[in-house]
PDB file of N, CA and C in Angstrom:
ATOM      1  N   ALA A   1     -27.654   6.910 -21.250  1.00  0.00           N
ATOM      2  CA  ALA A   1     -28.479   6.381 -20.183  1.00  0.00           C
ATOM      3  C   ALA A   1     -27.980   5.008 -19.755  1.00  0.00           C
ATOM      4  N   GLY A   2     -26.707   4.747 -19.946  1.00  0.00           N
ATOM      5  CA  GLY A   2     -26.148   3.454 -19.582  1.00  0.00           C
ATOM      6  C   GLY A   2     -25.595   3.434 -18.174  1.00  0.00           C
ATOM      7  N   GLY A   3     -25.912   4.404 -17.360  1.00  0.00           N
ATOM      8  CA  GLY A   3     -25.389   4.434 -15.998  1.00  0.00           C
ATOM      9  C   GLY A   3     -24.227   5.399 -15.876  1.00  0.00           C
ATOM     10  N   SER A   4     -23.742   5.526 -14.671  1.00  0.00           N
ATOM     11  CA  SER A   4     -22.644   6.449 -14.402  1.00  0.00           C
ATOM     12  C   SER A   4     -21.363   5.659 -14.192  1.00  0.00           C
ATOM     13  N   ALA A   5     -20.388   5.870 -15.057  1.00  0.00           N
ATOM     14  CA  ALA A   5     -19.114   5.163 -14.935  1.00  0.00           C
ATOM     15  C   ALA A   5     -18.092   5.999 -14.175  1.00  0.00           C
ATOM     16  N   ARG A   6     -18.476   7.173 -13.716  1.00  0.00           N
ATOM     17  CA  ARG A   6     -17.545   8.055 -13.019  1.00  0.00           C
ATOM     18  C   ARG A   6     -17.542   7.751 -11.517  1.00  0.00           C
ATOM     19  N   PRO A   7     -16.410   7.970 -10.867  1.00  0.00           N
ATOM     20  CA  PRO A   7     -16.382   7.789  -9.412  1.00  0.00           C
ATOM     21  C   PRO A   7     -17.331   8.774  -8.734  1.00  0.00           C
ATOM     22  N   PRO A   8     -17.908   8.401  -7.597  1.00  0.00           N
ATOM     23  CA  PRO A   8     -18.868   9.295  -6.930  1.00  0.00           C
ATOM     24  C   PRO A   8     -18.278  10.642  -6.531  1.00  0.00           C
ATOM     25  N   THR A   9     -16.966  10.746  -6.365  1.00  0.00           N
ATOM     26  CA  THR A   9     -16.366  12.011  -5.952  1.00  0.00           C
ATOM     27  C   THR A   9     -16.414  13.063  -7.050  1.00  0.00           C
ATOM     28  N   VAL A  10     -16.689  12.665  -8.282  1.00  0.00           N
ATOM     29  CA  VAL A  10     -16.746  13.601  -9.403  1.00  0.00           C
ATOM     30  C   VAL A  10     -18.147  14.195  -9.542  1.00  0.00           C
ATOM     31  N   LYS A  11     -19.146  13.506  -9.066  1.00  0.00           N
ATOM     32  CA  LYS A  11     -20.537  13.932  -9.260  1.00  0.00           C
ATOM     33  C   LYS A  11     -20.839  15.340  -8.741  1.00  0.00           C
ATOM     34  N   PRO A  12     -20.341  15.766  -7.566  1.00  0.00           N
ATOM     35  CA  PRO A  12     -20.648  17.142  -7.121  1.00  0.00           C
ATOM     36  C   PRO A  12     -20.179  18.208  -8.109  1.00  0.00           C
ATOM     37  N   PHE A  13     -19.058  17.963  -8.779  1.00  0.00           N
ATOM     38  CA  PHE A  13     -18.578  18.928  -9.773  1.00  0.00           C
ATOM     39  C   PHE A  13     -19.541  18.997 -10.952  1.00  0.00           C
ATOM     40  N   ILE A  14     -20.001  17.853 -11.392  1.00  0.00           N
ATOM     41  CA  ILE A  14     -20.912  17.799 -12.536  1.00  0.00           C
ATOM     42  C   ILE A  14     -22.242  18.454 -12.168  1.00  0.00           C
ATOM     43  N   LEU A  15     -22.767  18.135 -11.004  1.00  0.00           N
ATOM     44  CA  LEU A  15     -24.061  18.672 -10.589  1.00  0.00           C
ATOM     45  C   LEU A  15     -24.035  20.183 -10.409  1.00  0.00           C
ATOM     46  N   ARG A  16     -22.889  20.734 -10.040  1.00  0.00           N
ATOM     47  CA  ARG A  16     -22.772  22.184  -9.833  1.00  0.00           C
ATOM     48  C   ARG A  16     -22.176  22.890 -11.047  1.00  0.00           C
ATOM     49  N   ASN A  17     -22.079  22.176 -12.154  1.00  0.00           N
ATOM     50  CA  ASN A  17     -21.506  22.718 -13.385  1.00  0.00           C
ATOM     51  C   ASN A  17     -20.081  23.227 -13.141  1.00  0.00           C
ATOM     52  N   GLY A  18     -19.338  22.499 -12.333  1.00  0.00           N
ATOM     53  CA  GLY A  18     -17.948  22.869 -12.048  1.00  0.00           C
ATOM     54  C   GLY A  18     -17.000  22.143 -12.989  1.00  0.00           C
ATOM     55  N   ARG A  19     -15.750  22.550 -12.972  1.00  0.00           N
ATOM     56  CA  ARG A  19     -14.732  21.905 -13.802  1.00  0.00           C
ATOM     57  C   ARG A  19     -13.721  21.215 -12.904  1.00  0.00           C
ATOM     58  N   LEU A  20     -13.437  19.994 -13.226  1.00  0.00           N
ATOM     59  CA  LEU A  20     -12.417  19.246 -12.512  1.00  0.00           C
ATOM     60  C   LEU A  20     -11.196  19.217 -13.414  1.00  0.00           C
ATOM     61  N   GLN A  21     -10.154  19.946 -13.018  1.00  0.00           N
ATOM     62  CA  GLN A  21      -8.972  20.062 -13.854  1.00  0.00           C
ATOM     63  C   GLN A  21      -7.780  19.437 -13.159  1.00  0.00           C
ATOM     64  N   GLY A  22      -6.885  18.933 -13.962  1.00  0.00           N
ATOM     65  CA  GLY A  22      -5.687  18.337 -13.397  1.00  0.00           C
ATOM     66  C   GLY A  22      -4.693  18.024 -14.498  1.00  0.00           C
ATOM     67  N   VAL A  23      -3.640  17.363 -14.124  1.00  0.00           N
ATOM     68  CA  VAL A  23      -2.592  16.998 -15.068  1.00  0.00           C
ATOM     69  C   VAL A  23      -2.474  15.487 -15.073  1.00  0.00           C
ATOM     70  N   ASP A  24      -2.559  14.898 -16.253  1.00  0.00           N
ATOM     71  CA  ASP A  24      -2.383  13.457 -16.395  1.00  0.00           C
ATOM     72  C   ASP A  24      -0.994  13.225 -16.961  1.00  0.00           C
ATOM     73  N   SER A  25      -0.079  12.824 -16.098  1.00  0.00           N
ATOM     74  CA  SER A  25       1.304  12.649 -16.551  1.00  0.00           C
ATOM     75  C   SER A  25       1.656  11.191 -16.824  1.00  0.00           C
ATOM     76  N   VAL A  26       0.682  10.304 -16.734  1.00  0.00           N
ATOM     77  CA  VAL A  26       0.950   8.873 -16.899  1.00  0.00           C
ATOM     78  C   VAL A  26       1.553   8.567 -18.265  1.00  0.00           C
ATOM     79  N   MET A  27       1.053   9.199 -19.290  1.00  0.00           N
ATOM     80  CA  MET A  27       1.521   8.906 -20.649  1.00  0.00           C
ATOM     81  C   MET A  27       2.697   9.791 -21.074  1.00  0.00           C
ATOM     82  N   THR A  28       3.156  10.657 -20.200  1.00  0.00           N
ATOM     83  CA  THR A  28       4.287  11.529 -20.513  1.00  0.00           C
ATOM     84  C   THR A  28       5.577  10.716 -20.467  1.00  0.00           C
ATOM     85  N   PRO A  29       6.436  10.863 -21.468  1.00  0.00           N
ATOM     86  CA  PRO A  29       7.696  10.114 -21.482  1.00  0.00           C
ATOM     87  C   PRO A  29       8.536  10.414 -20.235  1.00  0.00           C
ATOM     88  N   PRO A  30       9.247   9.407 -19.708  1.00  0.00           N
ATOM     89  CA  PRO A  30      10.040   9.586 -18.484  1.00  0.00           C
ATOM     90  C   PRO A  30      11.030  10.753 -18.548  1.00  0.00           C
ATOM     91  N   ALA A  31      11.651  10.977 -19.689  1.00  0.00           N
ATOM     92  CA  ALA A  31      12.617  12.077 -19.801  1.00  0.00           C
ATOM     93  C   ALA A  31      11.926  13.426 -19.592  1.00  0.00           C
ATOM     94  N   ARG A  32      10.737  13.564 -20.127  1.00  0.00           N
ATOM     95  CA  ARG A  32       9.993  14.822 -19.962  1.00  0.00           C
ATOM     96  C   ARG A  32       9.541  15.002 -18.513  1.00  0.00           C
ATOM     97  N   ARG A  33       9.150  13.909 -17.870  1.00  0.00           N
ATOM     98  CA  ARG A  33       8.768  13.986 -16.457  1.00  0.00           C
ATOM     99  C   ARG A  33       9.953  14.415 -15.600  1.00  0.00           C
ATOM    100  N   ALA A  34      11.126  13.838 -15.873  1.00  0.00           N
ATOM    101  CA  ALA A  34      12.335  14.201 -15.116  1.00  0.00           C
ATOM    102  C   ALA A  34      12.649  15.680 -15.293  1.00  0.00           C
ATOM    103  N   GLU A  35      12.453  16.173 -16.512  1.00  0.00           N
ATOM    104  CA  GLU A  35      12.682  17.598 -16.793  1.00  0.00           C
ATOM    105  C   GLU A  35      11.706  18.467 -15.991  1.00  0.00           C
ATOM    106  N   ALA A  36      10.450  18.038 -15.914  1.00  0.00           N
ATOM    107  CA  ALA A  36       9.446  18.800 -15.161  1.00  0.00           C
ATOM    108  C   ALA A  36       9.778  18.822 -13.668  1.00  0.00           C
ATOM    109  N   TRP A  37      10.189  17.675 -13.114  1.00  0.00           N
ATOM    110  CA  TRP A  37      10.557  17.625 -11.700  1.00  0.00           C
ATOM    111  C   TRP A  37      11.772  18.503 -11.422  1.00  0.00           C
ATOM    112  N   ALA A  38      12.738  18.485 -12.320  1.00  0.00           N
ATOM    113  CA  ALA A  38      13.935  19.322 -12.147  1.00  0.00           C
ATOM    114  C   ALA A  38      13.553  20.800 -12.144  1.00  0.00           C
ATOM    115  N   ARG A  39      12.608  21.155 -12.992  1.00  0.00           N
ATOM    116  CA  ARG A  39      12.183  22.559 -13.042  1.00  0.00           C
ATOM    117  C   ARG A  39      11.449  22.959 -11.761  1.00  0.00           C
ATOM    118  N   LEU A  40      10.617  22.061 -11.240  1.00  0.00           N
ATOM    119  CA  LEU A  40       9.933  22.365  -9.981  1.00  0.00           C
ATOM    120  C   LEU A  40      10.931  22.592  -8.855  1.00  0.00           C
ATOM    121  N   VAL A  41      11.958  21.755  -8.796  1.00  0.00           N
ATOM    122  CA  VAL A  41      12.987  21.910  -7.763  1.00  0.00           C
ATOM    123  C   VAL A  41      13.682  23.256  -7.902  1.00  0.00           C
ATOM    124  N   LYS A  42      13.929  23.662  -9.153  1.00  0.00           N
ATOM    125  CA  LYS A  42      14.634  24.925  -9.409  1.00  0.00           C
ATOM    126  C   LYS A  42      13.737  26.139  -9.150  1.00  0.00           C
ATOM    127  N   ASP A  43      12.469  26.067  -9.566  1.00  0.00           N
ATOM    128  CA  ASP A  43      11.590  27.238  -9.541  1.00  0.00           C
ATOM    129  C   ASP A  43      10.871  27.479  -8.208  1.00  0.00           C
ATOM    130  N   LEU A  44      10.567  26.424  -7.469  1.00  0.00           N
ATOM    131  CA  LEU A  44       9.815  26.604  -6.226  1.00  0.00           C
ATOM    132  C   LEU A  44      10.756  26.866  -5.058  1.00  0.00           C
ATOM    133  N   PRO A  45      10.372  27.778  -4.169  1.00  0.00           N
ATOM    134  CA  PRO A  45      11.237  28.061  -3.012  1.00  0.00           C
ATOM    135  C   PRO A  45      11.236  26.881  -2.037  1.00  0.00           C
ATOM    136  N   GLU A  46      12.284  26.785  -1.265  1.00  0.00           N
ATOM    137  CA  GLU A  46      12.419  25.709  -0.273  1.00  0.00           C
ATOM    138  C   GLU A  46      11.233  25.690   0.691  1.00  0.00           C
ATOM    139  N   SER A  47      10.697  26.872   1.001  1.00  0.00           N
ATOM    140  CA  SER A  47       9.575  26.958   1.946  1.00  0.00           C
ATOM    141  C   SER A  47       8.324  26.249   1.425  1.00  0.00           C
ATOM    142  N   PHE A  48       8.183  26.139   0.105  1.00  0.00           N
ATOM    143  CA  PHE A  48       7.022  25.449  -0.460  1.00  0.00           C
ATOM    144  C   PHE A  48       6.968  24.006   0.012  1.00  0.00           C
ATOM    145  N   TYR A  49       8.106  23.347  -0.004  1.00  0.00           N
ATOM    146  CA  TYR A  49       8.140  21.931   0.352  1.00  0.00           C
ATOM    147  C   TYR A  49       7.835  21.718   1.825  1.00  0.00           C
ATOM    148  N   ALA A  50       8.249  22.656   2.665  1.00  0.00           N
ATOM    149  CA  ALA A  50       7.972  22.546   4.097  1.00  0.00           C
ATOM    150  C   ALA A  50       6.473  22.631   4.377  1.00  0.00           C
ATOM    151  N   GLN A  51       5.745  23.441   3.618  1.00  0.00           N
ATOM    152  CA  GLN A  51       4.308  23.572   3.846  1.00  0.00           C
ATOM    153  C   GLN A  51       3.502  22.531   3.085  1.00  0.00           C
ATOM    154  N   ALA A  52       4.060  21.945   2.035  1.00  0.00           N
ATOM    155  CA  ALA A  52       3.322  20.991   1.212  1.00  0.00           C
ATOM    156  C   ALA A  52       3.453  19.557   1.706  1.00  0.00           C
ATOM    157  N   ALA A  53       4.459  19.270   2.528  1.00  0.00           N
ATOM    158  CA  ALA A  53       4.680  17.891   2.961  1.00  0.00           C
ATOM    159  C   ALA A  53       5.216  17.850   4.386  1.00  0.00           C
ATOM    160  N   THR A  54       4.877  16.772   5.065  1.00  0.00           N
ATOM    161  CA  THR A  54       5.379  16.511   6.405  1.00  0.00           C
ATOM    162  C   THR A  54       6.110  15.178   6.370  1.00  0.00           C
ATOM    163  N   GLU A  55       7.324  15.153   6.878  1.00  0.00           N
ATOM    164  CA  GLU A  55       8.089  13.909   6.917  1.00  0.00           C
ATOM    165  C   GLU A  55       7.968  13.307   8.312  1.00  0.00           C
ATOM    166  N   ILE A  56       7.596  12.015   8.355  1.00  0.00           N
ATOM    167  CA  ILE A  56       7.450  11.319   9.632  1.00  0.00           C
ATOM    168  C   ILE A  56       8.266  10.033   9.603  1.00  0.00           C
ATOM    169  N   THR A  57       8.457   9.443  10.776  1.00  0.00           N
ATOM    170  CA  THR A  57       9.141   8.151  10.849  1.00  0.00           C
ATOM    171  C   THR A  57       8.101   7.036  10.743  1.00  0.00           C
ATOM    172  N   LEU A  58       8.576   5.840  10.486  1.00  0.00           N
ATOM    173  CA  LEU A  58       7.676   4.693  10.409  1.00  0.00           C
ATOM    174  C   LEU A  58       6.975   4.464  11.751  1.00  0.00           C
ATOM    175  N   ALA A  59       7.673   4.744  12.842  1.00  0.00           N
ATOM    176  CA  ALA A  59       7.074   4.594  14.173  1.00  0.00           C
ATOM    177  C   ALA A  59       5.913   5.572  14.386  1.00  0.00           C
ATOM    178  N   ASP A  60       5.953   6.735  13.726  1.00  0.00           N
ATOM    179  CA  ASP A  60       4.886   7.734  13.854  1.00  0.00           C
ATOM    180  C   ASP A  60       3.691   7.460  12.942  1.00  0.00           C
ATOM    181  N   ALA A  61       3.816   6.503  12.038  1.00  0.00           N
ATOM    182  CA  ALA A  61       2.775   6.261  11.032  1.00  0.00           C
ATOM    183  C   ALA A  61       1.404   5.945  11.637  1.00  0.00           C
ATOM    184  N   PRO A  62       1.287   5.073  12.644  1.00  0.00           N
ATOM    185  CA  PRO A  62      -0.052   4.808  13.195  1.00  0.00           C
ATOM    186  C   PRO A  62      -0.726   6.061  13.764  1.00  0.00           C
ATOM    187  N   LYS A  63       0.042   6.889  14.461  1.00  0.00           N
ATOM    188  CA  LYS A  63      -0.504   8.129  15.033  1.00  0.00           C
ATOM    189  C   LYS A  63      -0.968   9.064  13.907  1.00  0.00           C
ATOM    190  N   PHE A  64      -0.165   9.185  12.849  1.00  0.00           N
ATOM    191  CA  PHE A  64      -0.526  10.050  11.731  1.00  0.00           C
ATOM    192  C   PHE A  64      -1.696   9.485  10.941  1.00  0.00           C
ATOM    193  N   ALA A  65      -1.814   8.162  10.891  1.00  0.00           N
ATOM    194  CA  ALA A  65      -2.941   7.548  10.180  1.00  0.00           C
ATOM    195  C   ALA A  65      -4.258   8.008  10.793  1.00  0.00           C
ATOM    196  N   ASP A  66      -4.329   8.028  12.115  1.00  0.00           N
ATOM    197  CA  ASP A  66      -5.541   8.520  12.781  1.00  0.00           C
ATOM    198  C   ASP A  66      -5.808   9.981  12.434  1.00  0.00           C
ATOM    199  N   ALA A  67      -4.764  10.790  12.433  1.00  0.00           N
ATOM    200  CA  ALA A  67      -4.924  12.213  12.106  1.00  0.00           C
ATOM    201  C   ALA A  67      -5.383  12.395  10.661  1.00  0.00           C
ATOM    202  N   ILE A  68      -4.844  11.588   9.747  1.00  0.00           N
ATOM    203  CA  ILE A  68      -5.244  11.679   8.336  1.00  0.00           C
ATOM    204  C   ILE A  68      -6.710  11.298   8.185  1.00  0.00           C
ATOM    205  N   ILE A  69      -7.114  10.197   8.812  1.00  0.00           N
ATOM    206  CA  ILE A  69      -8.507   9.741   8.728  1.00  0.00           C
ATOM    207  C   ILE A  69      -9.458  10.789   9.298  1.00  0.00           C
ATOM    208  N   ASN A  70      -9.031  11.496  10.329  1.00  0.00           N
ATOM    209  CA  ASN A  70      -9.868  12.528  10.955  1.00  0.00           C
ATOM    210  C   ASN A  70      -9.703  13.901  10.319  1.00  0.00           C
ATOM    211  N   ASN A  71      -9.096  13.941   9.136  1.00  0.00           N
ATOM    212  CA  ASN A  71      -8.959  15.173   8.354  1.00  0.00           C
ATOM    213  C   ASN A  71      -8.206  16.267   9.117  1.00  0.00           C
ATOM    214  N   GLN A  72      -7.165  15.880   9.854  1.00  0.00           N
ATOM    215  CA  GLN A  72      -6.383  16.836  10.626  1.00  0.00           C
ATOM    216  C   GLN A  72      -5.012  17.097  10.011  1.00  0.00           C
ATOM    217  N   VAL A  73      -4.749  16.512   8.853  1.00  0.00           N
ATOM    218  CA  VAL A  73      -3.444  16.659   8.198  1.00  0.00           C
ATOM    219  C   VAL A  73      -3.660  17.259   6.821  1.00  0.00           C
ATOM    220  N   GLN A  74      -2.872  18.265   6.487  1.00  0.00           N
ATOM    221  CA  GLN A  74      -2.933  18.866   5.155  1.00  0.00           C
ATOM    222  C   GLN A  74      -1.665  18.528   4.399  1.00  0.00           C
ATOM    223  N   GLY A  75      -1.778  18.419   3.093  1.00  0.00           N
ATOM    224  CA  GLY A  75      -0.616  18.150   2.254  1.00  0.00           C
ATOM    225  C   GLY A  75      -0.247  16.677   2.253  1.00  0.00           C
ATOM    226  N   ARG A  76       0.958  16.408   1.835  1.00  0.00           N
ATOM    227  CA  ARG A  76       1.462  15.036   1.735  1.00  0.00           C
ATOM    228  C   ARG A  76       2.181  14.646   3.014  1.00  0.00           C
ATOM    229  N   THR A  77       2.126  13.359   3.317  1.00  0.00           N
ATOM    230  CA  THR A  77       2.878  12.822   4.448  1.00  0.00           C
ATOM    231  C   THR A  77       3.874  11.813   3.903  1.00  0.00           C
ATOM    232  N   LEU A  78       5.150  12.088   4.116  1.00  0.00           N
ATOM    233  CA  LEU A  78       6.218  11.216   3.643  1.00  0.00           C
ATOM    234  C   LEU A  78       6.723  10.389   4.811  1.00  0.00           C
ATOM    235  N   VAL A  79       6.722   9.072   4.642  1.00  0.00           N
ATOM    236  CA  VAL A  79       7.181   8.180   5.706  1.00  0.00           C
ATOM    237  C   VAL A  79       8.627   7.804   5.428  1.00  0.00           C
ATOM    238  N   LYS A  80       9.513   8.240   6.318  1.00  0.00           N
ATOM    239  CA  LYS A  80      10.936   7.933   6.179  1.00  0.00           C
ATOM    240  C   LYS A  80      11.187   6.571   6.818  1.00  0.00           C
ATOM    241  N   ILE A  81      11.661   5.626   6.016  1.00  0.00           N
ATOM    242  CA  ILE A  81      11.842   4.259   6.491  1.00  0.00           C
ATOM    243  C   ILE A  81      13.083   4.128   7.362  1.00  0.00           C
ATOM    244  N   LYS A  82      14.183   4.754   7.004  1.00  0.00           N
ATOM    245  CA  LYS A  82      15.420   4.661   7.799  1.00  0.00           C
ATOM    246  C   LYS A  82      15.844   6.018   8.286  1.00  0.00           C
TER     247      LYS A  82
END
């Protein structure tokens, strides 16, 4: 009864008896992380990356920021600096 230390975004899962699952790789040794990334590159088809991420230029960033805020962008947005 000491209050809620969890972020508010977790509460709907708790209230609906849902499970929030994920991978915490912060404490994973760098060599193991590199191995995991290499395996993803090898195992996932090229088409996966096209649907999971959009590459934009720095000049396009303000336009994409509006789209992201308005929930019109899915996946990751990679900003190419040069």
